[in-house]
Amino acid sequence: MIPFLHDIVILKPDWLATAISFALDDAETRQDYGLISFERLNYIWHDPKRKKKNGMKPVYTASFYVSWNVFDLSYRVAGL
């Protein structure tokens, strides 16, 4: 297990589901058959046009990216 994941508690699971949906609903991600780079994910989650309450704090981006890989929700693809 990754130690820093022990410090994360999701109090509002709907917020996390919304954050995930931003990535899944992204037109560029769909066009790329669900493949998304960390840079693109970071852009989607911190899009200044999005309401502030729906965005993700930059400090959490890497944590969620890593946790998705740990829990087999996503995986790394060569070249991304």
N, C-alpha and C. Protein backbone atom coordinates (compact mmCIF):
# COMPACT_ATOMS: atom_id res chain seq x y z
N MET A 1 0.85 -1.18 0.00
CA MET A 1 0.00 0.00 0.00
C MET A 1 0.89 1.24 0.00
N ILE A 2 0.39 2.29 -0.52
CA ILE A 2 1.12 3.55 -0.59
C ILE A 2 0.78 4.39 0.64
N PRO A 3 1.78 4.76 1.45
CA PRO A 3 1.53 5.42 2.74
C PRO A 3 0.64 6.66 2.67
N PHE A 4 0.84 7.54 1.70
CA PHE A 4 0.07 8.78 1.70
C PHE A 4 -1.42 8.56 1.45
N LEU A 5 -1.79 7.41 0.92
CA LEU A 5 -3.20 7.13 0.71
C LEU A 5 -3.95 6.92 2.03
N HIS A 6 -3.22 6.60 3.08
CA HIS A 6 -3.84 6.44 4.39
C HIS A 6 -4.33 7.77 4.94
N ASP A 7 -3.80 8.87 4.44
CA ASP A 7 -4.16 10.20 4.92
C ASP A 7 -5.34 10.81 4.17
N ILE A 8 -5.89 10.12 3.20
CA ILE A 8 -6.97 10.67 2.38
C ILE A 8 -8.29 10.02 2.77
N VAL A 9 -9.26 10.86 3.07
CA VAL A 9 -10.61 10.41 3.38
C VAL A 9 -11.56 11.17 2.47
N ILE A 10 -12.41 10.47 1.77
CA ILE A 10 -13.40 11.10 0.90
C ILE A 10 -14.68 11.29 1.70
N LEU A 11 -14.98 12.53 2.04
CA LEU A 11 -16.18 12.83 2.82
C LEU A 11 -17.40 13.00 1.92
N LYS A 12 -17.15 13.37 0.67
CA LYS A 12 -18.25 13.59 -0.27
C LYS A 12 -17.98 12.75 -1.52
N PRO A 13 -18.42 11.50 -1.53
CA PRO A 13 -18.13 10.63 -2.67
C PRO A 13 -18.71 11.15 -3.98
N ASP A 14 -19.78 11.93 -3.92
CA ASP A 14 -20.33 12.49 -5.15
C ASP A 14 -19.35 13.46 -5.79
N TRP A 15 -18.55 14.13 -4.98
CA TRP A 15 -17.52 15.03 -5.50
C TRP A 15 -16.49 14.23 -6.29
N LEU A 16 -16.09 13.08 -5.74
CA LEU A 16 -15.11 12.24 -6.43
C LEU A 16 -15.70 11.68 -7.72
N ALA A 17 -16.95 11.26 -7.68
CA ALA A 17 -17.61 10.75 -8.89
C ALA A 17 -17.68 11.84 -9.96
N THR A 18 -17.92 13.08 -9.54
CA THR A 18 -17.95 14.19 -10.49
C THR A 18 -16.58 14.41 -11.10
N ALA A 19 -15.55 14.35 -10.28
CA ALA A 19 -14.18 14.53 -10.79
C ALA A 19 -13.84 13.45 -11.81
N ILE A 20 -14.23 12.23 -11.53
CA ILE A 20 -13.98 11.13 -12.47
C ILE A 20 -14.77 11.35 -13.76
N SER A 21 -16.01 11.83 -13.61
CA SER A 21 -16.83 12.04 -14.81
C SER A 21 -16.25 13.12 -15.72
N PHE A 22 -15.55 14.10 -15.15
CA PHE A 22 -14.91 15.12 -15.98
C PHE A 22 -13.94 14.46 -16.96
N ALA A 23 -13.19 13.49 -16.48
CA ALA A 23 -12.23 12.80 -17.35
C ALA A 23 -12.96 11.92 -18.37
N LEU A 24 -13.98 11.21 -17.92
CA LEU A 24 -14.69 10.29 -18.81
C LEU A 24 -15.53 11.01 -19.86
N ASP A 25 -16.03 12.20 -19.52
CA ASP A 25 -16.87 12.96 -20.44
C ASP A 25 -16.09 13.88 -21.37
N ASP A 26 -14.79 13.94 -21.19
CA ASP A 26 -13.95 14.83 -22.00
C ASP A 26 -13.92 14.35 -23.45
N ALA A 27 -14.23 15.25 -24.38
CA ALA A 27 -14.30 14.90 -25.80
C ALA A 27 -12.95 14.38 -26.32
N GLU A 28 -11.87 15.01 -25.92
CA GLU A 28 -10.54 14.57 -26.38
C GLU A 28 -10.23 13.17 -25.85
N THR A 29 -10.61 12.88 -24.63
CA THR A 29 -10.39 11.55 -24.05
C THR A 29 -11.20 10.50 -24.80
N ARG A 30 -12.45 10.81 -25.11
CA ARG A 30 -13.28 9.87 -25.88
C ARG A 30 -12.67 9.64 -27.27
N GLN A 31 -12.21 10.71 -27.90
CA GLN A 31 -11.61 10.61 -29.22
C GLN A 31 -10.37 9.72 -29.18
N ASP A 32 -9.66 9.74 -28.05
CA ASP A 32 -8.45 8.93 -27.89
C ASP A 32 -8.75 7.57 -27.26
N TYR A 33 -10.01 7.12 -27.38
CA TYR A 33 -10.42 5.79 -26.91
C TYR A 33 -10.18 5.59 -25.41
N GLY A 34 -10.38 6.64 -24.64
CA GLY A 34 -10.26 6.55 -23.19
C GLY A 34 -8.87 6.75 -22.65
N LEU A 35 -7.90 6.95 -23.53
CA LEU A 35 -6.54 7.19 -23.08
C LEU A 35 -6.38 8.66 -22.74
N ILE A 36 -5.79 8.93 -21.59
CA ILE A 36 -5.62 10.31 -21.14
C ILE A 36 -4.27 10.44 -20.46
N SER A 37 -3.54 11.46 -20.81
CA SER A 37 -2.24 11.70 -20.18
C SER A 37 -2.46 12.39 -18.84
N PHE A 38 -1.46 12.30 -17.99
CA PHE A 38 -1.53 12.99 -16.70
C PHE A 38 -1.70 14.48 -16.91
N GLU A 39 -1.02 15.03 -17.91
CA GLU A 39 -1.12 16.47 -18.20
C GLU A 39 -2.54 16.85 -18.59
N ARG A 40 -3.18 16.02 -19.41
CA ARG A 40 -4.56 16.30 -19.82
C ARG A 40 -5.52 16.19 -18.63
N LEU A 41 -5.33 15.16 -17.81
CA LEU A 41 -6.15 14.99 -16.62
C LEU A 41 -5.99 16.19 -15.69
N ASN A 42 -4.78 16.64 -15.53
CA ASN A 42 -4.50 17.81 -14.70
C ASN A 42 -5.22 19.04 -15.26
N TYR A 43 -5.19 19.21 -16.57
CA TYR A 43 -5.88 20.35 -17.20
C TYR A 43 -7.39 20.26 -16.98
N ILE A 44 -7.95 19.08 -17.19
CA ILE A 44 -9.40 18.89 -17.03
C ILE A 44 -9.82 19.23 -15.60
N TRP A 45 -9.08 18.74 -14.63
CA TRP A 45 -9.45 18.94 -13.24
C TRP A 45 -9.22 20.37 -12.76
N HIS A 46 -8.38 21.11 -13.46
CA HIS A 46 -8.09 22.48 -13.02
C HIS A 46 -8.50 23.52 -14.06
N ASP A 47 -9.44 23.15 -14.90
CA ASP A 47 -9.94 24.05 -15.95
C ASP A 47 -10.52 25.30 -15.29
N PRO A 48 -9.97 26.47 -15.60
CA PRO A 48 -10.45 27.71 -14.97
C PRO A 48 -11.90 28.05 -15.33
N LYS A 49 -12.43 27.47 -16.40
CA LYS A 49 -13.81 27.73 -16.79
C LYS A 49 -14.81 26.96 -15.92
N ARG A 50 -14.33 25.96 -15.22
CA ARG A 50 -15.20 25.13 -14.40
C ARG A 50 -15.46 25.83 -13.07
N LYS A 51 -16.64 25.62 -12.53
CA LYS A 51 -16.94 26.20 -11.23
C LYS A 51 -15.92 25.74 -10.20
N LYS A 52 -15.50 26.64 -9.36
CA LYS A 52 -14.47 26.34 -8.38
C LYS A 52 -14.83 25.14 -7.49
N LYS A 53 -16.10 25.04 -7.09
CA LYS A 53 -16.49 23.94 -6.20
C LYS A 53 -16.41 22.58 -6.89
N ASN A 54 -16.42 22.54 -8.22
CA ASN A 54 -16.35 21.28 -8.95
C ASN A 54 -14.93 20.88 -9.32
N GLY A 55 -13.99 21.77 -9.14
CA GLY A 55 -12.61 21.47 -9.48
C GLY A 55 -11.92 20.67 -8.40
N MET A 56 -10.71 20.28 -8.67
CA MET A 56 -9.93 19.54 -7.70
C MET A 56 -8.71 20.36 -7.33
N LYS A 57 -8.38 20.38 -6.06
CA LYS A 57 -7.20 21.11 -5.62
C LYS A 57 -5.97 20.43 -6.22
N PRO A 58 -5.03 21.22 -6.72
CA PRO A 58 -3.84 20.63 -7.36
C PRO A 58 -3.10 19.63 -6.48
N VAL A 59 -3.13 19.81 -5.19
CA VAL A 59 -2.41 18.91 -4.30
C VAL A 59 -2.96 17.48 -4.35
N TYR A 60 -4.22 17.30 -4.79
CA TYR A 60 -4.83 15.98 -4.82
C TYR A 60 -4.68 15.27 -6.17
N THR A 61 -4.32 15.97 -7.19
CA THR A 61 -4.28 15.39 -8.52
C THR A 61 -3.38 14.15 -8.58
N ALA A 62 -2.16 14.27 -8.14
CA ALA A 62 -1.23 13.14 -8.20
C ALA A 62 -1.71 11.99 -7.31
N SER A 63 -2.29 12.31 -6.17
CA SER A 63 -2.77 11.27 -5.25
C SER A 63 -3.85 10.42 -5.91
N PHE A 64 -4.80 11.06 -6.56
CA PHE A 64 -5.86 10.30 -7.21
C PHE A 64 -5.33 9.55 -8.43
N TYR A 65 -4.43 10.14 -9.15
CA TYR A 65 -3.84 9.48 -10.30
C TYR A 65 -3.14 8.19 -9.86
N VAL A 66 -2.37 8.27 -8.80
CA VAL A 66 -1.66 7.09 -8.28
C VAL A 66 -2.64 6.07 -7.73
N SER A 67 -3.63 6.53 -6.97
CA SER A 67 -4.58 5.59 -6.37
C SER A 67 -5.37 4.84 -7.43
N TRP A 68 -5.70 5.47 -8.53
CA TRP A 68 -6.42 4.77 -9.61
C TRP A 68 -5.58 3.61 -10.12
N ASN A 69 -4.27 3.82 -10.22
CA ASN A 69 -3.39 2.74 -10.66
C ASN A 69 -3.27 1.64 -9.61
N VAL A 70 -3.16 2.02 -8.35
CA VAL A 70 -3.03 1.05 -7.26
C VAL A 70 -4.26 0.15 -7.20
N PHE A 71 -5.44 0.72 -7.36
CA PHE A 71 -6.68 -0.04 -7.23
C PHE A 71 -7.22 -0.53 -8.57
N ASP A 72 -6.36 -0.55 -9.58
CA ASP A 72 -6.69 -1.07 -10.90
C ASP A 72 -7.89 -0.40 -11.55
N LEU A 73 -8.07 0.88 -11.28
CA LEU A 73 -9.11 1.65 -11.97
C LEU A 73 -8.56 2.22 -13.27
N SER A 74 -7.24 2.27 -13.35
CA SER A 74 -6.57 2.73 -14.57
C SER A 74 -5.20 2.06 -14.62
N TYR A 75 -4.52 2.22 -15.72
CA TYR A 75 -3.17 1.67 -15.83
C TYR A 75 -2.38 2.53 -16.80
N ARG A 76 -1.06 2.46 -16.63
CA ARG A 76 -0.17 3.25 -17.49
C ARG A 76 -0.06 2.58 -18.86
N VAL A 77 0.01 3.43 -19.87
CA VAL A 77 0.18 2.96 -21.23
C VAL A 77 1.48 3.59 -21.76
N ALA A 78 2.29 2.80 -22.41
CA ALA A 78 3.56 3.30 -22.94
C ALA A 78 3.30 4.51 -23.84
N GLY A 79 4.06 5.55 -23.65
CA GLY A 79 3.96 6.73 -24.49
C GLY A 79 3.05 7.83 -23.93
N LEU A 80 2.36 7.57 -22.83
CA LEU A 80 1.50 8.58 -22.22
C LEU A 80 2.07 9.05 -20.92
